[in-house]
Amino acid sequence: MLALSVLLWAVLTHWSWQQPGATRVRIYQDGQLYAELDLLAQRTLAVPGPLGATVVEVRQGKARIAQDPSPRQYCVKAGWLQQAGQAAICLPNRTSIELTGQQARPYDSLSY
């Protein structure tokens, strides 16, 4: 009985922590959708903002903010994003990226 409980716990833990893979990246500027790109495409896009251009890089199924004129660089430090639901936000320049997948998510960190 104990072995069955441990096995069930392991399966449920693995299943509940799995995130779906991302297929697209949405790029927002000042709260408006600026572009939506396929993650399989290799592309670099400069998004204009109030402080200058934010550079978004898409490569090999992942995306990142490569450069940003914001002073603290938090969104650049977020690194490569590859799971649906992940996001990087550059508040001073009002630019953000969000990865989406095949299935719509019932909630996100902002509406939770």
C-alpha atoms as a PDB file:
ATOM      1  CA  MET A   1       0.000   0.000   0.000  1.00  0.00           C
ATOM      2  CA  LEU A   2       2.847   2.376   0.844  1.00  0.00           C
ATOM      3  CA  ALA A   3       4.575   1.664  -2.480  1.00  0.00           C
ATOM      4  CA  LEU A   4       1.345   2.402  -4.362  1.00  0.00           C
ATOM      5  CA  SER A   5       0.924   5.700  -2.499  1.00  0.00           C
ATOM      6  CA  VAL A   6       4.499   6.750  -3.293  1.00  0.00           C
ATOM      7  CA  LEU A   7       4.041   5.831  -6.962  1.00  0.00           C
ATOM      8  CA  LEU A   8       0.765   7.766  -7.150  1.00  0.00           C
ATOM      9  CA  TRP A   9       2.374  10.773  -5.465  1.00  0.00           C
ATOM     10  CA  ALA A  10       5.287  10.712  -7.947  1.00  0.00           C
ATOM     11  CA  VAL A  11       2.980  10.513 -10.977  1.00  0.00           C
ATOM     12  CA  LEU A  12       0.710  13.311  -9.732  1.00  0.00           C
ATOM     13  CA  THR A  13       3.667  15.543  -8.867  1.00  0.00           C
ATOM     14  CA  HIS A  14       5.218  15.076 -12.305  1.00  0.00           C
ATOM     15  CA  TRP A  15       1.878  15.650 -14.068  1.00  0.00           C
ATOM     16  CA  SER A  16       0.980  18.787 -12.107  1.00  0.00           C
ATOM     17  CA  TRP A  17       4.394  20.473 -12.609  1.00  0.00           C
ATOM     18  CA  GLN A  18       4.528  19.871 -16.349  1.00  0.00           C
ATOM     19  CA  GLN A  19       4.055  22.966 -18.460  1.00  0.00           C
ATOM     20  CA  PRO A  20       2.978  22.811 -22.081  1.00  0.00           C
ATOM     21  CA  GLY A  21       5.543  23.788 -24.676  1.00  0.00           C
ATOM     22  CA  ALA A  22       5.200  27.196 -26.267  1.00  0.00           C
ATOM     23  CA  THR A  23       4.524  27.645 -29.975  1.00  0.00           C
ATOM     24  CA  ARG A  24       4.239  31.438 -30.346  1.00  0.00           C
ATOM     25  CA  VAL A  25       5.498  34.644 -28.756  1.00  0.00           C
ATOM     26  CA  ARG A  26       3.317  37.713 -28.334  1.00  0.00           C
ATOM     27  CA  ILE A  27       5.090  41.050 -28.179  1.00  0.00           C
ATOM     28  CA  TYR A  28       3.279  43.933 -26.503  1.00  0.00           C
ATOM     29  CA  GLN A  29       4.114  47.628 -26.616  1.00  0.00           C
ATOM     30  CA  ASP A  30       2.278  49.954 -24.219  1.00  0.00           C
ATOM     31  CA  GLY A  31      -0.354  47.274 -23.534  1.00  0.00           C
ATOM     32  CA  GLN A  32      -1.190  46.736 -27.207  1.00  0.00           C
ATOM     33  CA  LEU A  33      -0.268  43.665 -29.251  1.00  0.00           C
ATOM     34  CA  TYR A  34       2.655  44.760 -31.438  1.00  0.00           C
ATOM     35  CA  ALA A  35       3.498  41.415 -33.084  1.00  0.00           C
ATOM     36  CA  GLU A  36       2.935  37.676 -32.755  1.00  0.00           C
ATOM     37  CA  LEU A  37       5.651  35.363 -34.040  1.00  0.00           C
ATOM     38  CA  ASP A  38       6.092  31.631 -34.493  1.00  0.00           C
ATOM     39  CA  LEU A  39       8.785  30.320 -32.156  1.00  0.00           C
ATOM     40  CA  LEU A  40      10.219  28.105 -34.897  1.00  0.00           C
ATOM     41  CA  ALA A  41      11.097  31.152 -37.003  1.00  0.00           C
ATOM     42  CA  GLN A  42      14.501  32.692 -36.444  1.00  0.00           C
ATOM     43  CA  ARG A  43      13.978  36.420 -36.107  1.00  0.00           C
ATOM     44  CA  THR A  44      15.187  39.554 -34.338  1.00  0.00           C
ATOM     45  CA  LEU A  45      12.734  42.415 -33.932  1.00  0.00           C
ATOM     46  CA  ALA A  46      13.351  45.945 -32.622  1.00  0.00           C
ATOM     47  CA  VAL A  47      10.254  47.242 -30.814  1.00  0.00           C
ATOM     48  CA  PRO A  48      10.165  51.044 -30.413  1.00  0.00           C
ATOM     49  CA  GLY A  49       9.321  52.397 -26.971  1.00  0.00           C
ATOM     50  CA  PRO A  50       9.476  55.683 -25.063  1.00  0.00           C
ATOM     51  CA  LEU A  51      13.120  55.090 -24.020  1.00  0.00           C
ATOM     52  CA  GLY A  52      14.301  53.579 -27.319  1.00  0.00           C
ATOM     53  CA  ALA A  53      14.208  50.190 -29.004  1.00  0.00           C
ATOM     54  CA  THR A  54      13.762  46.895 -27.166  1.00  0.00           C
ATOM     55  CA  VAL A  55      15.277  44.006 -29.133  1.00  0.00           C
ATOM     56  CA  VAL A  56      13.366  40.700 -29.059  1.00  0.00           C
ATOM     57  CA  GLU A  57      15.134  37.598 -30.334  1.00  0.00           C
ATOM     58  CA  VAL A  58      13.346  34.394 -31.397  1.00  0.00           C
ATOM     59  CA  ARG A  59      15.388  31.259 -32.074  1.00  0.00           C
ATOM     60  CA  GLN A  60      15.000  27.467 -31.885  1.00  0.00           C
ATOM     61  CA  GLY A  61      11.657  27.387 -30.081  1.00  0.00           C
ATOM     62  CA  LYS A  62      12.470  30.038 -27.491  1.00  0.00           C
ATOM     63  CA  ALA A  63      12.420  33.824 -27.149  1.00  0.00           C
ATOM     64  CA  ARG A  64      14.158  36.486 -25.091  1.00  0.00           C
ATOM     65  CA  ILE A  65      14.594  40.206 -24.749  1.00  0.00           C
ATOM     66  CA  ALA A  66      18.175  40.609 -25.931  1.00  0.00           C
ATOM     67  CA  GLN A  67      18.547  44.376 -25.384  1.00  0.00           C
ATOM     68  CA  ASP A  68      16.532  47.069 -23.656  1.00  0.00           C
ATOM     69  CA  PRO A  69      17.254  50.722 -22.843  1.00  0.00           C
ATOM     70  CA  SER A  70      15.778  50.387 -19.336  1.00  0.00           C
ATOM     71  CA  PRO A  71      18.254  51.106 -16.512  1.00  0.00           C
ATOM     72  CA  ARG A  72      18.022  47.857 -14.491  1.00  0.00           C
ATOM     73  CA  GLN A  73      17.739  45.301 -17.328  1.00  0.00           C
ATOM     74  CA  TYR A  74      15.390  42.954 -15.434  1.00  0.00           C
ATOM     75  CA  CYS A  75      13.698  41.775 -18.619  1.00  0.00           C
ATOM     76  CA  VAL A  76      17.060  41.032 -20.260  1.00  0.00           C
ATOM     77  CA  LYS A  77      18.144  39.085 -17.157  1.00  0.00           C
ATOM     78  CA  ALA A  78      15.038  36.885 -17.494  1.00  0.00           C
ATOM     79  CA  GLY A  79      16.931  35.093 -20.282  1.00  0.00           C
ATOM     80  CA  TRP A  80      15.461  32.624 -22.721  1.00  0.00           C
ATOM     81  CA  LEU A  81      11.786  31.744 -22.280  1.00  0.00           C
ATOM     82  CA  GLN A  82      10.498  28.450 -23.671  1.00  0.00           C
ATOM     83  CA  GLN A  83       7.403  27.333 -21.749  1.00  0.00           C
ATOM     84  CA  ALA A  84       3.870  28.555 -22.424  1.00  0.00           C
ATOM     85  CA  GLY A  85       2.845  31.174 -19.888  1.00  0.00           C
ATOM     86  CA  GLN A  86       6.327  32.584 -19.306  1.00  0.00           C
ATOM     87  CA  ALA A  87       6.776  36.336 -19.748  1.00  0.00           C
ATOM     88  CA  ALA A  88       9.380  39.087 -19.544  1.00  0.00           C
ATOM     89  CA  ILE A  89       8.309  42.666 -18.830  1.00  0.00           C
ATOM     90  CA  CYS A  90      10.303  45.864 -19.357  1.00  0.00           C
ATOM     91  CA  LEU A  91       8.229  48.405 -17.410  1.00  0.00           C
ATOM     92  CA  PRO A  92      10.200  51.605 -18.079  1.00  0.00           C
ATOM     93  CA  ASN A  93      10.026  50.997 -21.841  1.00  0.00           C
ATOM     94  CA  ARG A  94       6.470  49.560 -21.692  1.00  0.00           C
ATOM     95  CA  THR A  95       7.428  46.438 -23.631  1.00  0.00           C
ATOM     96  CA  SER A  96       6.705  42.805 -22.786  1.00  0.00           C
ATOM     97  CA  ILE A  97       6.767  39.351 -24.326  1.00  0.00           C
ATOM     98  CA  GLU A  98       4.591  36.361 -23.476  1.00  0.00           C
ATOM     99  CA  LEU A  99       4.832  32.792 -24.734  1.00  0.00           C
ATOM    100  CA  THR A 100       1.652  30.987 -25.712  1.00  0.00           C
ATOM    101  CA  GLY A 101       0.942  27.357 -26.538  1.00  0.00           C
ATOM    102  CA  GLN A 102      -1.657  25.176 -28.194  1.00  0.00           C
ATOM    103  CA  GLN A 103      -4.087  25.336 -25.287  1.00  0.00           C
ATOM    104  CA  ALA A 104      -5.500  28.496 -23.768  1.00  0.00           C
ATOM    105  CA  ARG A 105      -4.525  28.895 -20.136  1.00  0.00           C
ATOM    106  CA  PRO A 106      -7.409  29.325 -17.661  1.00  0.00           C
ATOM    107  CA  TYR A 107      -5.479  32.055 -15.786  1.00  0.00           C
ATOM    108  CA  ASP A 108      -2.123  33.780 -15.736  1.00  0.00           C
ATOM    109  CA  SER A 109      -0.047  35.464 -13.063  1.00  0.00           C
ATOM    110  CA  LEU A 110      -1.691  38.830 -13.705  1.00  0.00           C
ATOM    111  CA  SER A 111      -5.305  37.678 -13.472  1.00  0.00           C
ATOM    112  CA  TYR A 112      -4.767  35.133 -10.698  1.00  0.00           C
END
